[in-house]
Amino acid sequence: MKLVVIGNCQARPLAARLATAPGVRVADPIILHLAKEEDEAAHAEAIGGADLILAQATADNFRPRHLASNTLRADYPRKVVVWPNIFYAGQQPFLRYLTHLETGRVAGPFDVYHDLRFLALWRAERGLGPAAPNLDAEMRFARDVAQESLVALRTREADCDVGVADLVEESASERRCFYTFNHPAGWLLGSLATRLAARIDLPRLPPPPDGWEPLGRIVPPGLLLTREHAALQAMAFRVYDAAAPLLADPKLLRTTPTFAADAAWLDGCYTEREANQCPV
């Protein structure tokens, strides 16, 4: 059986796990965020030559359109199995991409990622905002993000052929499920591969190598900052001092993923009393 896997950064390690099944050949994955409209002919050749297409779920308006999961389902109705973007922020509730609406993505202290707690502390110390939220407010924010993100994961999985939201809900309080909101731990990614293999009747997958963590390159601070807090804060502040002109006006910043309380947090008006909106 020949497979082609289509998806984001999760596609390549997923394809590698499925390729360990006896009698399975896996084509080079098609990476969604690198694909272009002009690649359609090459993609069609790869997809057409596969027995099954394992496509990550996308929005209907995804571009390039020929790789949108619903387009693939329509074009290859008996060959497509859809899997979800394993995306959950509950274990890193303060982690975000930041995009300036005029200049684009803002580089962060942790590669492309930002910890909103350090951003709030920096804004307060540089006189750009009020005092950063206290620990009680932080924990409330974290709980809200975790609940909202789990609901979003379940919603994304509703139209998929397999899912892992149940595993995240069962395990998130006990073990690492994610390194960042879009980089699942090896065991969770492996569980998705196992469920996909069962869905398409592949032989049982052998265990992955010890320490298999294909998406564990970036490990930002967790929910509770460790004794390295001071060093991490100093490093984050250096990054934010260098990018200060981009961070001066929070109304020009967009968070990804975006949660209900993010705007209040960036504006410096997130409080225990009013978590989801700023005072008028």
Protein backbone atom coordinates (compact mmCIF):
# COMPACT_ATOMS: atom_id res chain seq x y z
CA MET A 1 0.00 0.00 0.00
CA LYS A 2 1.26 3.46 -0.90
CA LEU A 3 0.29 6.45 1.22
CA VAL A 4 0.73 10.19 0.90
CA VAL A 5 0.45 12.37 4.00
CA ILE A 6 -0.61 16.01 3.68
CA GLY A 7 -0.32 18.39 6.62
CA ASN A 8 1.70 20.91 8.60
CA CYS A 9 4.85 20.25 10.66
CA GLN A 10 3.15 17.17 12.10
CA ALA A 11 2.96 15.48 8.69
CA ARG A 12 6.58 14.40 8.34
CA PRO A 13 6.93 12.55 11.67
CA LEU A 14 3.45 11.08 11.19
CA ALA A 15 4.47 9.78 7.78
CA ALA A 16 7.68 8.36 9.27
CA ARG A 17 5.71 6.39 11.88
CA LEU A 18 3.27 5.00 9.31
CA ALA A 19 6.17 3.99 7.09
CA THR A 20 7.29 1.49 9.75
CA ALA A 21 4.23 -0.69 9.05
CA PRO A 22 5.09 -3.81 7.03
CA GLY A 23 4.18 -3.54 3.36
CA VAL A 24 3.62 0.22 3.46
CA ARG A 25 5.32 2.80 1.26
CA VAL A 26 4.92 6.46 2.12
CA ALA A 27 5.58 9.19 -0.42
CA ASP A 28 7.33 12.41 0.57
CA PRO A 29 4.81 14.36 2.66
CA ILE A 30 3.15 17.44 1.19
CA ILE A 31 3.65 20.27 3.68
CA LEU A 32 0.70 22.65 3.63
CA HIS A 33 2.43 25.86 4.69
CA LEU A 34 5.11 25.38 2.02
CA ALA A 35 2.71 24.51 -0.82
CA LYS A 36 1.88 26.91 -3.65
CA GLU A 37 -0.81 27.08 -6.31
CA GLU A 38 1.79 26.43 -9.00
CA ASP A 39 2.64 23.10 -7.35
CA GLU A 40 -0.77 21.65 -8.22
CA ALA A 41 0.43 19.46 -11.10
CA ALA A 42 3.24 17.91 -9.03
CA HIS A 43 0.89 17.39 -6.10
CA ALA A 44 -1.72 15.79 -8.35
CA GLU A 45 0.87 13.31 -9.61
CA ALA A 46 1.90 12.36 -6.07
CA ILE A 47 -1.68 12.14 -4.85
CA GLY A 48 -2.88 10.23 -7.89
CA GLY A 49 -0.19 7.61 -7.43
CA ALA A 50 -1.17 6.85 -3.83
CA ASP A 51 -3.63 4.23 -2.68
CA LEU A 52 -4.72 6.43 0.22
CA ILE A 53 -4.44 10.13 1.02
CA LEU A 54 -4.07 11.08 4.68
CA ALA A 55 -5.07 14.74 4.66
CA GLN A 56 -4.94 17.11 7.59
CA ALA A 57 -8.22 18.96 8.10
CA THR A 58 -8.21 22.53 6.79
CA ALA A 59 -10.68 25.38 6.51
CA ASP A 60 -12.80 25.47 3.36
CA ASN A 61 -11.06 28.69 2.30
CA PHE A 62 -7.57 27.21 2.67
CA ARG A 63 -5.08 28.07 -0.07
CA PRO A 64 -3.79 26.47 -2.18
CA ARG A 65 -7.34 25.26 -2.75
CA HIS A 66 -6.36 21.92 -4.29
CA LEU A 67 -4.98 20.79 -0.89
CA ALA A 68 -7.97 21.83 1.22
CA SER A 69 -9.31 18.70 2.90
CA ASN A 70 -12.85 19.13 1.56
CA THR A 71 -11.48 19.63 -1.97
CA LEU A 72 -9.49 16.41 -1.64
CA ARG A 73 -12.55 14.57 -0.35
CA ALA A 74 -14.54 15.76 -3.35
CA ASP A 75 -11.81 14.96 -5.88
CA TYR A 76 -10.82 11.56 -4.40
CA PRO A 77 -13.95 10.40 -2.54
CA ARG A 78 -12.78 6.85 -1.79
CA LYS A 79 -9.12 7.59 -1.09
CA VAL A 80 -9.12 10.32 1.57
CA VAL A 81 -8.81 9.91 5.34
CA VAL A 82 -8.84 13.18 7.27
CA TRP A 83 -6.86 13.75 10.47
CA PRO A 84 -6.89 16.84 12.71
CA ASN A 85 -4.36 19.54 13.33
CA ILE A 86 -3.27 18.45 16.82
CA PHE A 87 -3.32 21.92 18.30
CA TYR A 88 -3.89 22.59 22.02
CA ALA A 89 -2.78 25.52 24.18
CA GLY A 90 -3.82 24.24 27.59
CA GLN A 91 -0.33 23.18 28.65
CA GLN A 92 1.24 26.40 27.35
CA PRO A 93 -1.63 28.85 27.95
CA PHE A 94 0.54 31.97 27.75
CA LEU A 95 2.43 30.99 24.60
CA ARG A 96 1.57 32.82 21.36
CA TYR A 97 2.82 34.01 18.04
CA LEU A 98 2.63 37.81 17.87
CA THR A 99 1.90 39.59 14.60
CA HIS A 100 2.14 43.35 14.16
CA LEU A 101 -0.68 44.39 11.87
CA GLU A 102 1.61 46.64 9.82
CA THR A 103 4.98 44.87 9.82
CA GLY A 104 4.14 41.19 10.26
CA ARG A 105 5.37 38.47 12.62
CA VAL A 106 7.36 39.69 15.64
CA ALA A 107 10.32 37.49 16.60
CA GLY A 108 10.02 36.13 20.13
CA PRO A 109 12.29 35.18 23.02
CA PHE A 110 11.61 31.49 22.33
CA ASP A 111 12.27 31.24 18.61
CA VAL A 112 9.00 32.52 17.06
CA TYR A 113 7.04 32.22 20.32
CA HIS A 114 6.18 34.72 23.07
CA ASP A 115 5.17 34.13 26.69
CA LEU A 116 2.47 36.69 27.51
CA ARG A 117 3.55 36.77 31.16
CA PHE A 118 6.98 38.12 30.24
CA LEU A 119 5.42 40.59 27.83
CA ALA A 120 3.12 41.92 30.58
CA LEU A 121 6.05 42.23 33.01
CA TRP A 122 8.14 44.04 30.40
CA ARG A 123 5.34 46.49 29.56
CA ALA A 124 4.82 47.25 33.26
CA GLU A 125 8.53 47.78 33.99
CA ARG A 126 9.00 49.99 30.94
CA GLY A 127 6.01 52.17 31.84
CA LEU A 128 3.93 50.98 28.89
CA GLY A 129 1.18 49.34 30.92
CA PRO A 130 -0.14 48.76 34.43
CA ALA A 131 1.19 46.19 36.86
CA ALA A 132 1.23 42.69 35.44
CA PRO A 133 -1.61 40.36 36.55
CA ASN A 134 -1.03 38.53 39.82
CA LEU A 135 -0.75 34.76 40.18
CA ASP A 136 -4.48 34.29 40.81
CA ALA A 137 -5.31 36.13 37.59
CA GLU A 138 -2.69 34.13 35.70
CA MET A 139 -4.21 30.86 36.88
CA ARG A 140 -7.69 31.97 35.90
CA PHE A 141 -6.39 32.97 32.48
CA ALA A 142 -4.70 29.57 32.13
CA ARG A 143 -7.90 27.68 33.03
CA ASP A 144 -9.94 29.72 30.55
CA VAL A 145 -7.45 29.10 27.74
CA ALA A 146 -7.29 25.36 28.49
CA GLN A 147 -11.06 25.00 28.39
CA GLU A 148 -11.45 27.12 25.26
CA SER A 149 -8.64 25.28 23.49
CA LEU A 150 -10.03 21.83 24.29
CA VAL A 151 -13.44 22.83 22.92
CA ALA A 152 -11.70 24.09 19.76
CA LEU A 153 -9.81 20.80 19.38
CA ARG A 154 -13.02 18.80 19.69
CA THR A 155 -14.67 21.07 17.13
CA ARG A 156 -11.79 20.60 14.67
CA GLU A 157 -12.02 16.85 15.10
CA ALA A 158 -15.78 16.67 14.56
CA ASP A 159 -15.44 16.20 10.81
CA CYS A 160 -12.25 14.10 10.95
CA ASP A 161 -11.94 10.35 10.63
CA VAL A 162 -9.72 10.04 13.73
CA GLY A 163 -8.98 12.27 16.70
CA VAL A 164 -7.03 12.59 19.95
CA ALA A 165 -9.04 15.11 22.01
CA ASP A 166 -10.04 12.34 24.41
CA LEU A 167 -6.36 11.54 25.06
CA VAL A 168 -5.54 15.20 25.66
CA GLU A 169 -8.43 15.59 28.10
CA GLU A 170 -7.43 12.43 29.99
CA SER A 171 -3.70 13.15 30.12
CA ALA A 172 -3.08 16.91 30.14
CA SER A 173 -3.02 17.17 33.94
CA GLU A 174 -0.62 14.23 34.31
CA ARG A 175 1.93 14.24 31.51
CA ARG A 176 3.36 16.36 28.75
CA CYS A 177 1.06 16.35 25.75
CA PHE A 178 2.56 19.36 23.93
CA TYR A 179 5.83 21.27 23.76
CA THR A 180 4.15 24.24 22.14
CA PHE A 181 0.52 24.64 21.13
CA ASN A 182 1.27 23.15 17.70
CA HIS A 183 4.04 20.66 18.57
CA PRO A 184 2.59 17.53 20.21
CA ALA A 185 4.73 15.18 22.29
CA GLY A 186 5.93 11.99 20.64
CA TRP A 187 3.52 9.71 22.50
CA LEU A 188 0.50 11.77 21.37
CA LEU A 189 1.66 11.98 17.77
CA GLY A 190 2.36 8.25 17.91
CA SER A 191 -1.16 7.64 19.23
CA LEU A 192 -2.58 9.50 16.25
CA ALA A 193 -0.46 7.33 13.94
CA THR A 194 -1.73 4.19 15.66
CA ARG A 195 -5.35 5.30 15.28
CA LEU A 196 -4.80 6.18 11.63
CA ALA A 197 -3.17 2.80 11.03
CA ALA A 198 -6.18 1.04 12.58
CA ARG A 199 -8.57 3.18 10.55
CA ILE A 200 -6.98 2.14 7.26
CA ASP A 201 -6.31 -1.48 8.30
CA LEU A 202 -2.53 -1.33 8.41
CA PRO A 203 -0.55 -3.96 10.31
CA ARG A 204 0.28 -3.02 13.89
CA LEU A 205 3.00 -0.37 14.08
CA PRO A 206 6.20 -1.32 15.89
CA PRO A 207 7.16 0.84 18.90
CA PRO A 208 8.98 4.08 18.07
CA PRO A 209 12.64 4.49 19.02
CA ASP A 210 13.35 5.39 22.65
CA GLY A 211 13.13 9.13 23.15
CA TRP A 212 11.25 9.71 19.89
CA GLU A 213 10.34 13.41 20.12
CA PRO A 214 10.34 14.74 16.56
CA LEU A 215 8.73 18.05 17.53
CA GLY A 216 10.50 18.64 20.83
CA ARG A 217 13.15 21.08 19.62
CA ILE A 218 11.62 24.15 21.32
CA VAL A 219 10.72 23.82 25.01
CA PRO A 220 9.40 27.16 26.35
CA PRO A 221 8.68 27.76 30.06
CA GLY A 222 5.68 25.89 31.38
CA LEU A 223 2.60 26.90 33.29
CA LEU A 224 4.57 27.44 36.49
CA LEU A 225 7.82 29.30 35.90
CA THR A 226 10.84 27.52 37.34
CA ARG A 227 13.86 28.77 39.27
CA GLU A 228 15.20 29.91 35.88
CA HIS A 229 12.55 32.64 35.90
CA ALA A 230 15.06 35.48 36.42
CA ALA A 231 17.32 34.34 33.60
CA LEU A 232 14.39 33.75 31.27
CA GLN A 233 12.94 37.16 32.13
CA ALA A 234 16.24 38.93 31.46
CA MET A 235 16.54 37.20 28.09
CA ALA A 236 12.94 38.06 27.18
CA PHE A 237 13.41 41.68 28.21
CA ARG A 238 16.45 42.01 25.93
CA VAL A 239 14.35 40.78 23.01
CA TYR A 240 11.48 43.12 23.86
CA ASP A 241 13.75 46.13 24.34
CA ALA A 242 15.09 45.54 20.83
CA ALA A 243 11.55 45.24 19.44
CA ALA A 244 10.02 48.01 21.57
CA PRO A 245 8.61 50.12 18.68
CA LEU A 246 6.57 47.12 17.52
CA LEU A 247 5.17 46.45 20.99
CA ALA A 248 4.23 49.97 22.08
CA ASP A 249 0.62 49.82 20.90
CA PRO A 250 -1.15 46.57 21.83
CA LYS A 251 -4.03 47.38 19.50
CA LEU A 252 -1.64 46.75 16.60
CA LEU A 253 -0.79 43.25 17.83
CA ARG A 254 -2.60 40.01 16.97
CA THR A 255 -2.06 36.80 18.89
CA THR A 256 -2.04 33.34 17.36
CA PRO A 257 -3.78 31.29 18.54
CA THR A 258 -6.30 33.91 19.67
CA PHE A 259 -8.32 33.42 22.83
CA ALA A 260 -11.13 35.45 24.33
CA ALA A 261 -9.01 37.14 27.02
CA ASP A 262 -5.95 37.93 24.88
CA ALA A 263 -6.94 41.50 23.98
CA ALA A 264 -7.53 42.38 27.64
CA TRP A 265 -4.17 40.88 28.57
CA LEU A 266 -2.31 42.85 25.89
CA ASP A 267 -4.10 46.05 26.89
CA GLY A 268 -3.06 45.53 30.49
CA CYS A 269 -6.62 45.42 31.81
CA TYR A 270 -6.97 41.72 32.55
CA THR A 271 -8.16 41.37 36.14
CA GLU A 272 -9.78 38.73 38.30
CA ARG A 273 -13.02 40.70 38.24
CA GLU A 274 -13.19 41.19 34.48
CA ALA A 275 -11.21 38.63 32.54
CA ASN A 276 -12.62 38.92 29.05
CA GLN A 277 -13.03 42.60 28.35
CA CYS A 278 -11.44 45.93 29.04
CA PRO A 279 -13.35 48.70 30.78
CA VAL A 280 -15.02 51.13 28.38
